[in-house]
Full PDB file with SEQRES, HELIX, SHEET, SSBOND, CRYST1, ORIGX, SCALE, CONECT and MASTER records, all heavy atoms in Angstrom:
SEQRES   1 A   40  LYS LEU SER LYS LYS GLN PHE VAL THR VAL VAL GLU ASN          
SEQRES   2 A   40  ILE HIS ASN THR VAL ASN TYR SER PHE ASP SER LYS HIS          
SEQRES   3 A   40  CYS GLU ALA PHE GLY VAL LEU ILE ASP LYS ASP LEU ASN          
SEQRES   4 A   40  VAL                                                          
HELIX    1 AA1 LYS A    4  THR A   17  1                                  14    
CRYST1    1.000    1.000    1.000  90.00  90.00  90.00 P 1           1          
ORIGX1      1.000000  0.000000  0.000000        0.00000                         
ORIGX2      0.000000  1.000000  0.000000        0.00000                         
ORIGX3      0.000000  0.000000  1.000000        0.00000                         
SCALE1      1.000000  0.000000  0.000000        0.00000                         
SCALE2      0.000000  1.000000  0.000000        0.00000                         
SCALE3      0.000000  0.000000  1.000000        0.00000                         
ATOM      1  N   LYS A   1      -4.149 -13.942   4.338  1.00  0.00           N  
ATOM      2  CA  LYS A   1      -5.554 -13.574   4.378  1.00  0.00           C  
ATOM      3  C   LYS A   1      -5.823 -12.777   5.654  1.00  0.00           C  
ATOM      4  O   LYS A   1      -5.348 -13.132   6.730  1.00  0.00           O  
ATOM      5  CB  LYS A   1      -6.419 -14.835   4.329  1.00  0.00           C  
ATOM      6  CG  LYS A   1      -7.859 -14.559   4.125  1.00  0.00           C  
ATOM      7  CD  LYS A   1      -8.622 -15.835   3.813  1.00  0.00           C  
ATOM      8  CE  LYS A   1     -10.049 -15.496   3.459  1.00  0.00           C  
ATOM      9  NZ  LYS A   1     -10.759 -16.647   2.947  1.00  0.00           N  
ATOM     10  N   LEU A   2      -6.572 -11.712   5.523  1.00  0.00           N  
ATOM     11  CA  LEU A   2      -6.926 -10.876   6.663  1.00  0.00           C  
ATOM     12  C   LEU A   2      -8.105 -11.475   7.407  1.00  0.00           C  
ATOM     13  O   LEU A   2      -8.997 -12.079   6.798  1.00  0.00           O  
ATOM     14  CB  LEU A   2      -7.305  -9.471   6.188  1.00  0.00           C  
ATOM     15  CG  LEU A   2      -6.224  -8.674   5.466  1.00  0.00           C  
ATOM     16  CD1 LEU A   2      -6.828  -7.435   4.814  1.00  0.00           C  
ATOM     17  CD2 LEU A   2      -5.114  -8.281   6.421  1.00  0.00           C  
ATOM     18  N   SER A   3      -8.147 -11.285   8.727  1.00  0.00           N  
ATOM     19  CA  SER A   3      -9.332 -11.671   9.481  1.00  0.00           C  
ATOM     20  C   SER A   3     -10.477 -10.751   9.062  1.00  0.00           C  
ATOM     21  O   SER A   3     -10.257  -9.691   8.463  1.00  0.00           O  
ATOM     22  CB  SER A   3      -9.079 -11.539  10.984  1.00  0.00           C  
ATOM     23  OG  SER A   3      -9.026 -10.159  11.354  1.00  0.00           O  
ATOM     24  N   LYS A   4     -11.696 -11.118   9.381  1.00  0.00           N  
ATOM     25  CA  LYS A   4     -12.865 -10.299   9.024  1.00  0.00           C  
ATOM     26  C   LYS A   4     -12.718  -8.888   9.613  1.00  0.00           C  
ATOM     27  O   LYS A   4     -12.943  -7.890   8.923  1.00  0.00           O  
ATOM     28  CB  LYS A   4     -14.150 -10.965   9.521  1.00  0.00           C  
ATOM     29  CG  LYS A   4     -15.420 -10.190   9.240  1.00  0.00           C  
ATOM     30  CD  LYS A   4     -15.780 -10.193   7.781  1.00  0.00           C  
ATOM     31  CE  LYS A   4     -17.158  -9.572   7.592  1.00  0.00           C  
ATOM     32  NZ  LYS A   4     -17.557  -9.494   6.219  1.00  0.00           N  
ATOM     33  N   LYS A   5     -12.306  -8.803  10.866  1.00  0.00           N  
ATOM     34  CA  LYS A   5     -12.152  -7.499  11.520  1.00  0.00           C  
ATOM     35  C   LYS A   5     -11.059  -6.673  10.840  1.00  0.00           C  
ATOM     36  O   LYS A   5     -11.237  -5.480  10.600  1.00  0.00           O  
ATOM     37  CB  LYS A   5     -11.832  -7.699  13.001  1.00  0.00           C  
ATOM     38  CG  LYS A   5     -11.741  -6.420  13.784  1.00  0.00           C  
ATOM     39  CD  LYS A   5     -11.491  -6.684  15.258  1.00  0.00           C  
ATOM     40  CE  LYS A   5     -11.374  -5.369  16.012  1.00  0.00           C  
ATOM     41  NZ  LYS A   5     -11.109  -5.563  17.426  1.00  0.00           N  
ATOM     42  N   GLN A   6      -9.926  -7.303  10.523  1.00  0.00           N  
ATOM     43  CA  GLN A   6      -8.850  -6.602   9.827  1.00  0.00           C  
ATOM     44  C   GLN A   6      -9.317  -6.124   8.448  1.00  0.00           C  
ATOM     45  O   GLN A   6      -9.032  -5.000   8.041  1.00  0.00           O  
ATOM     46  CB  GLN A   6      -7.634  -7.515   9.652  1.00  0.00           C  
ATOM     47  CG  GLN A   6      -6.896  -7.840  10.921  1.00  0.00           C  
ATOM     48  CD  GLN A   6      -5.833  -8.902  10.693  1.00  0.00           C  
ATOM     49  OE1 GLN A   6      -6.048  -9.876   9.959  1.00  0.00           O  
ATOM     50  NE2 GLN A   6      -4.685  -8.732  11.340  1.00  0.00           N  
ATOM     51  N   PHE A   7     -10.037  -6.995   7.744  1.00  0.00           N  
ATOM     52  CA  PHE A   7     -10.510  -6.664   6.404  1.00  0.00           C  
ATOM     53  C   PHE A   7     -11.445  -5.461   6.438  1.00  0.00           C  
ATOM     54  O   PHE A   7     -11.329  -4.543   5.620  1.00  0.00           O  
ATOM     55  CB  PHE A   7     -11.186  -7.883   5.772  1.00  0.00           C  
ATOM     56  CG  PHE A   7     -11.569  -7.671   4.342  1.00  0.00           C  
ATOM     57  CD1 PHE A   7     -10.605  -7.540   3.360  1.00  0.00           C  
ATOM     58  CD2 PHE A   7     -12.906  -7.604   3.972  1.00  0.00           C  
ATOM     59  CE1 PHE A   7     -10.952  -7.333   2.031  1.00  0.00           C  
ATOM     60  CE2 PHE A   7     -13.266  -7.400   2.645  1.00  0.00           C  
ATOM     61  CZ  PHE A   7     -12.283  -7.270   1.681  1.00  0.00           C  
ATOM     62  N   VAL A   8     -12.366  -5.435   7.370  1.00  0.00           N  
ATOM     63  CA  VAL A   8     -13.287  -4.307   7.522  1.00  0.00           C  
ATOM     64  C   VAL A   8     -12.495  -3.016   7.746  1.00  0.00           C  
ATOM     65  O   VAL A   8     -12.754  -1.993   7.106  1.00  0.00           O  
ATOM     66  CB  VAL A   8     -14.281  -4.564   8.678  1.00  0.00           C  
ATOM     67  CG1 VAL A   8     -15.009  -3.290   9.084  1.00  0.00           C  
ATOM     68  CG2 VAL A   8     -15.284  -5.652   8.297  1.00  0.00           C  
ATOM     69  N   THR A   9     -11.525  -3.062   8.625  1.00  0.00           N  
ATOM     70  CA  THR A   9     -10.700  -1.887   8.918  1.00  0.00           C  
ATOM     71  C   THR A   9      -9.966  -1.412   7.672  1.00  0.00           C  
ATOM     72  O   THR A   9      -9.943  -0.219   7.358  1.00  0.00           O  
ATOM     73  CB  THR A   9      -9.691  -2.195  10.041  1.00  0.00           C  
ATOM     74  OG1 THR A   9     -10.430  -2.539  11.223  1.00  0.00           O  
ATOM     75  CG2 THR A   9      -8.780  -1.013  10.324  1.00  0.00           C  
ATOM     76  N   VAL A  10      -9.374  -2.342   6.918  1.00  0.00           N  
ATOM     77  CA  VAL A  10      -8.616  -1.977   5.723  1.00  0.00           C  
ATOM     78  C   VAL A  10      -9.525  -1.378   4.654  1.00  0.00           C  
ATOM     79  O   VAL A  10      -9.190  -0.350   4.049  1.00  0.00           O  
ATOM     80  CB  VAL A  10      -7.821  -3.190   5.183  1.00  0.00           C  
ATOM     81  CG1 VAL A  10      -7.272  -2.916   3.792  1.00  0.00           C  
ATOM     82  CG2 VAL A  10      -6.690  -3.538   6.143  1.00  0.00           C  
ATOM     83  N   VAL A  11     -10.684  -1.974   4.411  1.00  0.00           N  
ATOM     84  CA  VAL A  11     -11.615  -1.442   3.410  1.00  0.00           C  
ATOM     85  C   VAL A  11     -12.023  -0.007   3.784  1.00  0.00           C  
ATOM     86  O   VAL A  11     -12.061   0.881   2.929  1.00  0.00           O  
ATOM     87  CB  VAL A  11     -12.855  -2.353   3.248  1.00  0.00           C  
ATOM     88  CG1 VAL A  11     -13.958  -1.670   2.436  1.00  0.00           C  
ATOM     89  CG2 VAL A  11     -12.450  -3.671   2.589  1.00  0.00           C  
ATOM     90  N   GLU A  12     -12.277   0.230   5.051  1.00  0.00           N  
ATOM     91  CA  GLU A  12     -12.661   1.570   5.487  1.00  0.00           C  
ATOM     92  C   GLU A  12     -11.474   2.535   5.403  1.00  0.00           C  
ATOM     93  O   GLU A  12     -11.649   3.699   5.038  1.00  0.00           O  
ATOM     94  CB  GLU A  12     -13.275   1.510   6.879  1.00  0.00           C  
ATOM     95  CG  GLU A  12     -14.622   0.796   6.839  1.00  0.00           C  
ATOM     96  CD  GLU A  12     -15.261   0.585   8.194  1.00  0.00           C  
ATOM     97  OE1 GLU A  12     -14.754   1.114   9.213  1.00  0.00           O  
ATOM     98  OE2 GLU A  12     -16.300  -0.116   8.240  1.00  0.00           O  
ATOM     99  N   ASN A  13     -10.269   2.063   5.708  1.00  0.00           N  
ATOM    100  CA  ASN A  13      -9.083   2.914   5.578  1.00  0.00           C  
ATOM    101  C   ASN A  13      -8.826   3.286   4.118  1.00  0.00           C  
ATOM    102  O   ASN A  13      -8.441   4.418   3.817  1.00  0.00           O  
ATOM    103  CB  ASN A  13      -7.850   2.239   6.178  1.00  0.00           C  
ATOM    104  CG  ASN A  13      -7.870   2.245   7.694  1.00  0.00           C  
ATOM    105  OD1 ASN A  13      -8.659   2.939   8.314  1.00  0.00           O  
ATOM    106  ND2 ASN A  13      -7.003   1.452   8.298  1.00  0.00           N  
ATOM    107  N   ILE A  14      -9.031   2.332   3.219  1.00  0.00           N  
ATOM    108  CA  ILE A  14      -8.889   2.628   1.785  1.00  0.00           C  
ATOM    109  C   ILE A  14      -9.902   3.694   1.384  1.00  0.00           C  
ATOM    110  O   ILE A  14      -9.563   4.677   0.720  1.00  0.00           O  
ATOM    111  CB  ILE A  14      -9.045   1.351   0.929  1.00  0.00           C  
ATOM    112  CG1 ILE A  14      -7.849   0.424   1.160  1.00  0.00           C  
ATOM    113  CG2 ILE A  14      -9.198   1.698  -0.551  1.00  0.00           C  
ATOM    114  CD1 ILE A  14      -8.020  -0.971   0.594  1.00  0.00           C  
ATOM    115  N   HIS A  15     -11.149   3.525   1.805  1.00  0.00           N  
ATOM    116  CA  HIS A  15     -12.204   4.499   1.496  1.00  0.00           C  
ATOM    117  C   HIS A  15     -11.784   5.903   1.948  1.00  0.00           C  
ATOM    118  O   HIS A  15     -11.983   6.884   1.231  1.00  0.00           O  
ATOM    119  CB  HIS A  15     -13.518   4.107   2.170  1.00  0.00           C  
ATOM    120  CG  HIS A  15     -14.546   5.183   2.135  1.00  0.00           C  
ATOM    121  ND1 HIS A  15     -15.354   5.399   1.048  1.00  0.00           N  
ATOM    122  CD2 HIS A  15     -14.868   6.138   3.046  1.00  0.00           C  
ATOM    123  CE1 HIS A  15     -16.145   6.438   1.288  1.00  0.00           C  
ATOM    124  NE2 HIS A  15     -15.871   6.899   2.493  1.00  0.00           N  
ATOM    125  N   ASN A  16     -11.212   5.989   3.129  1.00  0.00           N  
ATOM    126  CA  ASN A  16     -10.846   7.288   3.692  1.00  0.00           C  
ATOM    127  C   ASN A  16      -9.557   7.866   3.110  1.00  0.00           C  
ATOM    128  O   ASN A  16      -9.269   9.043   3.313  1.00  0.00           O  
ATOM    129  CB  ASN A  16     -10.714   7.180   5.215  1.00  0.00           C  
ATOM    130  CG  ASN A  16     -12.056   6.938   5.877  1.00  0.00           C  
ATOM    131  OD1 ASN A  16     -13.073   7.479   5.474  1.00  0.00           O  
ATOM    132  ND2 ASN A  16     -12.067   6.100   6.896  1.00  0.00           N  
ATOM    133  N   THR A  17      -8.786   7.061   2.380  1.00  0.00           N  
ATOM    134  CA  THR A  17      -7.487   7.499   1.869  1.00  0.00           C  
ATOM    135  C   THR A  17      -7.509   7.820   0.384  1.00  0.00           C  
ATOM    136  O   THR A  17      -6.851   8.768  -0.059  1.00  0.00           O  
ATOM    137  CB  THR A  17      -6.419   6.415   2.147  1.00  0.00           C  
ATOM    138  OG1 THR A  17      -6.392   6.155   3.560  1.00  0.00           O  
ATOM    139  CG2 THR A  17      -5.039   6.868   1.701  1.00  0.00           C  
ATOM    140  N   VAL A  18      -8.245   7.042  -0.407  1.00  0.00           N  
ATOM    141  CA  VAL A  18      -8.243   7.247  -1.859  1.00  0.00           C  
ATOM    142  C   VAL A  18      -8.911   8.577  -2.204  1.00  0.00           C  
ATOM    143  O   VAL A  18     -10.018   8.866  -1.748  1.00  0.00           O  
ATOM    144  CB  VAL A  18      -8.956   6.086  -2.592  1.00  0.00           C  
ATOM    145  CG1 VAL A  18      -9.217   6.429  -4.055  1.00  0.00           C  
ATOM    146  CG2 VAL A  18      -8.130   4.816  -2.489  1.00  0.00           C  
ATOM    147  N   ASN A  19      -8.208   9.355  -3.008  1.00  0.00           N  
ATOM    148  CA  ASN A  19      -8.741  10.618  -3.501  1.00  0.00           C  
ATOM    149  C   ASN A  19      -9.164  10.398  -4.948  1.00  0.00           C  
ATOM    150  O   ASN A  19      -8.327  10.323  -5.841  1.00  0.00           O  
ATOM    151  CB  ASN A  19      -7.675  11.711  -3.397  1.00  0.00           C  
ATOM    152  CG  ASN A  19      -8.197  13.063  -3.816  1.00  0.00           C  
ATOM    153  OD1 ASN A  19      -9.392  13.272  -3.950  1.00  0.00           O  
ATOM    154  ND2 ASN A  19      -7.284  13.984  -4.040  1.00  0.00           N  
ATOM    155  N   TYR A  20     -10.464  10.279  -5.162  1.00  0.00           N  
ATOM    156  CA  TYR A  20     -11.000  10.007  -6.491  1.00  0.00           C  
ATOM    157  C   TYR A  20     -12.291  10.787  -6.658  1.00  0.00           C  
ATOM    158  O   TYR A  20     -13.211  10.689  -5.850  1.00  0.00           O  
ATOM    159  CB  TYR A  20     -11.240   8.496  -6.665  1.00  0.00           C  
ATOM    160  CG  TYR A  20     -11.791   8.120  -8.016  1.00  0.00           C  
ATOM    161  CD1 TYR A  20     -10.977   8.097  -9.133  1.00  0.00           C  
ATOM    162  CD2 TYR A  20     -13.130   7.798  -8.173  1.00  0.00           C  
ATOM    163  CE1 TYR A  20     -11.486   7.758 -10.384  1.00  0.00           C  
ATOM    164  CE2 TYR A  20     -13.645   7.454  -9.409  1.00  0.00           C  
ATOM    165  CZ  TYR A  20     -12.813   7.439 -10.514  1.00  0.00           C  
ATOM    166  OH  TYR A  20     -13.314   7.108 -11.745  1.00  0.00           O  
ATOM    167  N   SER A  21     -12.375  11.551  -7.724  1.00  0.00           N  
ATOM    168  CA  SER A  21     -13.481  12.475  -7.967  1.00  0.00           C  
ATOM    169  C   SER A  21     -14.747  11.770  -8.454  1.00  0.00           C  
ATOM    170  O   SER A  21     -14.681  10.790  -9.190  1.00  0.00           O  
ATOM    171  CB  SER A  21     -13.034  13.498  -9.008  1.00  0.00           C  
ATOM    172  OG  SER A  21     -14.117  14.252  -9.469  1.00  0.00           O  
ATOM    173  N   PHE A  22     -15.873  12.336  -8.081  1.00  0.00           N  
ATOM    174  CA  PHE A  22     -17.163  11.851  -8.584  1.00  0.00           C  
ATOM    175  C   PHE A  22     -17.295  12.068 -10.090  1.00  0.00           C  
ATOM    176  O   PHE A  22     -18.110  11.429 -10.731  1.00  0.00           O  
ATOM    177  CB  PHE A  22     -18.319  12.594  -7.896  1.00  0.00           C  
ATOM    178  CG  PHE A  22     -18.546  12.180  -6.482  1.00  0.00           C  
ATOM    179  CD1 PHE A  22     -18.022  12.927  -5.441  1.00  0.00           C  
ATOM    180  CD2 PHE A  22     -19.275  11.048  -6.190  1.00  0.00           C  
ATOM    181  CE1 PHE A  22     -18.240  12.559  -4.128  1.00  0.00           C  
ATOM    182  CE2 PHE A  22     -19.489  10.660  -4.875  1.00  0.00           C  
ATOM    183  CZ  PHE A  22     -18.966  11.421  -3.840  1.00  0.00           C  
ATOM    184  N   ASP A  23     -16.511  12.982 -10.630  1.00  0.00           N  
ATOM    185  CA  ASP A  23     -16.631  13.334 -12.043  1.00  0.00           C  
ATOM    186  C   ASP A  23     -15.395  12.972 -12.859  1.00  0.00           C  
ATOM    187  O   ASP A  23     -15.220  13.460 -13.968  1.00  0.00           O  
ATOM    188  CB  ASP A  23     -16.912  14.835 -12.181  1.00  0.00           C  
ATOM    189  CG  ASP A  23     -18.260  15.198 -11.579  1.00  0.00           C  
ATOM    190  OD1 ASP A  23     -19.234  14.450 -11.808  1.00  0.00           O  
ATOM    191  OD2 ASP A  23     -18.341  16.211 -10.861  1.00  0.00           O  
ATOM    192  N   SER A  24     -14.561  12.103 -12.340  1.00  0.00           N  
ATOM    193  CA  SER A  24     -13.368  11.700 -13.083  1.00  0.00           C  
ATOM    194  C   SER A  24     -13.782  11.057 -14.405  1.00  0.00           C  
ATOM    195  O   SER A  24     -14.777  10.341 -14.477  1.00  0.00           O  
ATOM    196  CB  SER A  24     -12.542  10.707 -12.271  1.00  0.00           C  
ATOM    197  OG  SER A  24     -11.424  10.276 -13.018  1.00  0.00           O  
ATOM    198  N   LYS A  25     -13.008  11.308 -15.428  1.00  0.00           N  
ATOM    199  CA  LYS A  25     -13.285  10.731 -16.750  1.00  0.00           C  
ATOM    200  C   LYS A  25     -12.635   9.354 -16.910  1.00  0.00           C  
ATOM    201  O   LYS A  25     -12.848   8.678 -17.908  1.00  0.00           O  
ATOM    202  CB  LYS A  25     -12.778  11.655 -17.862  1.00  0.00           C  
ATOM    203  CG  LYS A  25     -13.391  13.031 -17.825  1.00  0.00           C  
ATOM    204  CD  LYS A  25     -14.870  13.007 -18.120  1.00  0.00           C  
ATOM    205  CE  LYS A  25     -15.431  14.407 -18.135  1.00  0.00           C  
ATOM    206  NZ  LYS A  25     -16.781  14.508 -17.670  1.00  0.00           N  
ATOM    207  N   HIS A  26     -11.820   8.944 -15.944  1.00  0.00           N  
ATOM    208  CA  HIS A  26     -11.125   7.661 -16.002  1.00  0.00           C  
ATOM    209  C   HIS A  26     -11.375   6.871 -14.724  1.00  0.00           C  
ATOM    210  O   HIS A  26     -11.442   7.445 -13.643  1.00  0.00           O  
ATOM    211  CB  HIS A  26      -9.612   7.867 -16.139  1.00  0.00           C  
ATOM    212  CG  HIS A  26      -9.223   8.453 -17.447  1.00  0.00           C  
ATOM    213  ND1 HIS A  26      -9.181   9.805 -17.672  1.00  0.00           N  
ATOM    214  CD2 HIS A  26      -8.882   7.859 -18.609  1.00  0.00           C  
ATOM    215  CE1 HIS A  26      -8.811  10.032 -18.917  1.00  0.00           C  
ATOM    216  NE2 HIS A  26      -8.632   8.870 -19.515  1.00  0.00           N  
ATOM    217  N   CYS A  27     -11.497   5.563 -14.872  1.00  0.00           N  
ATOM    218  CA  CYS A  27     -11.451   4.705 -13.701  1.00  0.00           C  
ATOM    219  C   CYS A  27      -9.972   4.509 -13.383  1.00  0.00           C  
ATOM    220  O   CYS A  27      -9.109   4.661 -14.252  1.00  0.00           O  
ATOM    221  CB  CYS A  27     -12.165   3.392 -13.956  1.00  0.00           C  
ATOM    222  SG  CYS A  27     -11.640   2.541 -15.446  1.00  0.00           S  
ATOM    223  N   GLU A  28      -9.676   4.195 -12.141  1.00  0.00           N  
ATOM    224  CA  GLU A  28      -8.283   4.070 -11.727  1.00  0.00           C  
ATOM    225  C   GLU A  28      -8.101   2.842 -10.856  1.00  0.00           C  
ATOM    226  O   GLU A  28      -9.009   2.415 -10.153  1.00  0.00           O  
ATOM    227  CB  GLU A  28      -7.840   5.329 -10.974  1.00  0.00           C  
ATOM    228  CG  GLU A  28      -7.897   6.573 -11.837  1.00  0.00           C  
ATOM    229  CD  GLU A  28      -7.491   7.842 -11.119  1.00  0.00           C  
ATOM    230  OE1 GLU A  28      -7.226   7.815  -9.906  1.00  0.00           O  
ATOM    231  OE2 GLU A  28      -7.437   8.892 -11.795  1.00  0.00           O  
ATOM    232  N   ALA A  29      -6.889   2.284 -10.919  1.00  0.00           N  
ATOM    233  CA  ALA A  29      -6.498   1.192 -10.035  1.00  0.00           C  
ATOM    234  C   ALA A  29      -5.388   1.705  -9.137  1.00  0.00           C  
ATOM    235  O   ALA A  29      -4.479   2.407  -9.586  1.00  0.00           O  
ATOM    236  CB  ALA A  29      -6.017  -0.012 -10.843  1.00  0.00           C  
ATOM    237  N   PHE A  30      -5.481   1.347  -7.869  1.00  0.00           N  
ATOM    238  CA  PHE A  30      -4.493   1.755  -6.885  1.00  0.00           C  
ATOM    239  C   PHE A  30      -3.903   0.520  -6.217  1.00  0.00           C  
ATOM    240  O   PHE A  30      -4.644  -0.366  -5.789  1.00  0.00           O  
ATOM    241  CB  PHE A  30      -5.138   2.629  -5.793  1.00  0.00           C  
ATOM    242  CG  PHE A  30      -5.748   3.896  -6.317  1.00  0.00           C  
ATOM    243  CD1 PHE A  30      -7.084   3.932  -6.695  1.00  0.00           C  
ATOM    244  CD2 PHE A  30      -4.996   5.052  -6.430  1.00  0.00           C  
ATOM    245  CE1 PHE A  30      -7.653   5.100  -7.176  1.00  0.00           C  
ATOM    246  CE2 PHE A  30      -5.562   6.227  -6.912  1.00  0.00           C  
ATOM    247  CZ  PHE A  30      -6.895   6.251  -7.283  1.00  0.00           C  
ATOM    248  N   GLY A  31      -2.583   0.485  -6.131  1.00  0.00           N  
ATOM    249  CA  GLY A  31      -1.928  -0.535  -5.341  1.00  0.00           C  
ATOM    250  C   GLY A  31      -2.006  -0.106  -3.889  1.00  0.00           C  
ATOM    251  O   GLY A  31      -1.836   1.077  -3.569  1.00  0.00           O  
ATOM    252  N   VAL A  32      -2.288  -1.059  -3.001  1.00  0.00           N  
ATOM    253  CA  VAL A  32      -2.460  -0.759  -1.586  1.00  0.00           C  
ATOM    254  C   VAL A  32      -1.447  -1.563  -0.773  1.00  0.00           C  
ATOM    255  O   VAL A  32      -1.421  -2.796  -0.856  1.00  0.00           O  
ATOM    256  CB  VAL A  32      -3.892  -1.116  -1.113  1.00  0.00           C  
ATOM    257  CG1 VAL A  32      -4.061  -0.792   0.365  1.00  0.00           C  
ATOM    258  CG2 VAL A  32      -4.945  -0.400  -1.958  1.00  0.00           C  
ATOM    259  N   LEU A  33      -0.623  -0.855  -0.011  1.00  0.00           N  
ATOM    260  CA  LEU A  33       0.286  -1.489   0.932  1.00  0.00           C  
ATOM    261  C   LEU A  33      -0.295  -1.295   2.328  1.00  0.00           C  
ATOM    262  O   LEU A  33      -0.774  -0.209   2.663  1.00  0.00           O  
ATOM    263  CB  LEU A  33       1.682  -0.871   0.839  1.00  0.00           C  
ATOM    264  CG  LEU A  33       2.375  -1.052  -0.515  1.00  0.00           C  
ATOM    265  CD1 LEU A  33       3.655  -0.218  -0.572  1.00  0.00           C  
ATOM    266  CD2 LEU A  33       2.675  -2.525  -0.762  1.00  0.00           C  
ATOM    267  N   ILE A  34      -0.271  -2.352   3.123  1.00  0.00           N  
ATOM    268  CA  ILE A  34      -0.877  -2.327   4.453  1.00  0.00           C  
ATOM    269  C   ILE A  34       0.217  -2.553   5.496  1.00  0.00           C  
ATOM    270  O   ILE A  34       0.953  -3.541   5.414  1.00  0.00           O  
ATOM    271  CB  ILE A  34      -1.948  -3.434   4.585  1.00  0.00           C  
ATOM    272  CG1 ILE A  34      -2.986  -3.305   3.478  1.00  0.00           C  
ATOM    273  CG2 ILE A  34      -2.596  -3.391   5.967  1.00  0.00           C  
ATOM    274  CD1 ILE A  34      -3.905  -4.508   3.349  1.00  0.00           C  
ATOM    275  N   ASP A  35       0.316  -1.643   6.483  1.00  0.00           N  
ATOM    276  CA  ASP A  35       1.330  -1.838   7.529  1.00  0.00           C  
ATOM    277  C   ASP A  35       0.755  -2.672   8.674  1.00  0.00           C  
ATOM    278  O   ASP A  35      -0.423  -3.059   8.650  1.00  0.00           O  
ATOM    279  CB  ASP A  35       1.922  -0.506   7.988  1.00  0.00           C  
ATOM    280  CG  ASP A  35       0.966   0.353   8.810  1.00  0.00           C  
ATOM    281  OD1 ASP A  35      -0.077  -0.145   9.302  1.00  0.00           O  
ATOM    282  OD2 ASP A  35       1.273   1.559   8.975  1.00  0.00           O  
ATOM    283  N   LYS A  36       1.566  -2.931   9.673  1.00  0.00           N  
ATOM    284  CA  LYS A  36       1.153  -3.811  10.773  1.00  0.00           C  
ATOM    285  C   LYS A  36      -0.012  -3.252  11.579  1.00  0.00           C  
ATOM    286  O   LYS A  36      -0.737  -3.994  12.238  1.00  0.00           O  
ATOM    287  CB  LYS A  36       2.337  -4.119  11.686  1.00  0.00           C  
ATOM    288  CG  LYS A  36       2.924  -2.913  12.394  1.00  0.00           C  
ATOM    289  CD  LYS A  36       4.084  -3.320  13.289  1.00  0.00           C  
ATOM    290  CE  LYS A  36       4.758  -2.144  13.946  1.00  0.00           C  
ATOM    291  NZ  LYS A  36       3.904  -1.257  14.694  1.00  0.00           N  
ATOM    292  N   ASP A  37      -0.221  -1.922  11.511  1.00  0.00           N  
ATOM    293  CA  ASP A  37      -1.327  -1.290  12.214  1.00  0.00           C  
ATOM    294  C   ASP A  37      -2.554  -1.113  11.322  1.00  0.00           C  
ATOM    295  O   ASP A  37      -3.499  -0.428  11.697  1.00  0.00           O  
ATOM    296  CB  ASP A  37      -0.891   0.076  12.753  1.00  0.00           C  
ATOM    297  CG  ASP A  37       0.219  -0.045  13.792  1.00  0.00           C  
ATOM    298  OD1 ASP A  37       0.163  -0.981  14.621  1.00  0.00           O  
ATOM    299  OD2 ASP A  37       1.151   0.789  13.756  1.00  0.00           O  
ATOM    300  N   LEU A  38      -2.522  -1.718  10.133  1.00  0.00           N  
ATOM    301  CA  LEU A  38      -3.600  -1.690   9.139  1.00  0.00           C  
ATOM    302  C   LEU A  38      -3.796  -0.325   8.485  1.00  0.00           C  
ATOM    303  O   LEU A  38      -4.827  -0.062   7.870  1.00  0.00           O  
ATOM    304  CB  LEU A  38      -4.924  -2.206   9.718  1.00  0.00           C  
ATOM    305  CG  LEU A  38      -4.871  -3.615  10.322  1.00  0.00           C  
ATOM    306  CD1 LEU A  38      -6.223  -4.001  10.891  1.00  0.00           C  
ATOM    307  CD2 LEU A  38      -4.399  -4.630   9.294  1.00  0.00           C  
ATOM    308  N   ASN A  39      -2.789   0.542   8.602  1.00  0.00           N  
ATOM    309  CA  ASN A  39      -2.797   1.787   7.836  1.00  0.00           C  
ATOM    310  C   ASN A  39      -2.476   1.439   6.394  1.00  0.00           C  
ATOM    311  O   ASN A  39      -1.792   0.447   6.127  1.00  0.00           O  
ATOM    312  CB  ASN A  39      -1.759   2.768   8.386  1.00  0.00           C  
ATOM    313  CG  ASN A  39      -2.069   3.159   9.805  1.00  0.00           C  
ATOM    314  OD1 ASN A  39      -3.172   3.602  10.108  1.00  0.00           O  
ATOM    315  ND2 ASN A  39      -1.099   2.981  10.690  1.00  0.00           N  
ATOM    316  N   VAL A  40      -2.960   2.240   5.459  1.00  0.00           N  
ATOM    317  CA  VAL A  40      -2.753   1.952   4.044  1.00  0.00           C  
ATOM    318  C   VAL A  40      -1.946   3.044   3.368  1.00  0.00           C  
ATOM    319  O   VAL A  40      -2.053   4.221   3.706  1.00  0.00           O  
ATOM    320  CB  VAL A  40      -4.091   1.743   3.302  1.00  0.00           C  
ATOM    321  CG1 VAL A  40      -4.834   0.530   3.849  1.00  0.00           C  
ATOM    322  CG2 VAL A  40      -4.976   2.978   3.358  1.00  0.00           C  
TER     323      VAL A  40                                                      
MASTER        0    0    0    1    0    0    0    6  322    1    0    4          
END                                                                             
């Protein structure tokens, strides 16, 4: 389990990394791997 601070960082890193269009015709699932520095 991530600490609250780690979790916030990861959620924001995911937001900044996922490339998903406002007009995509499909929803998508992405597997997320997290390194020791909380990069995704």
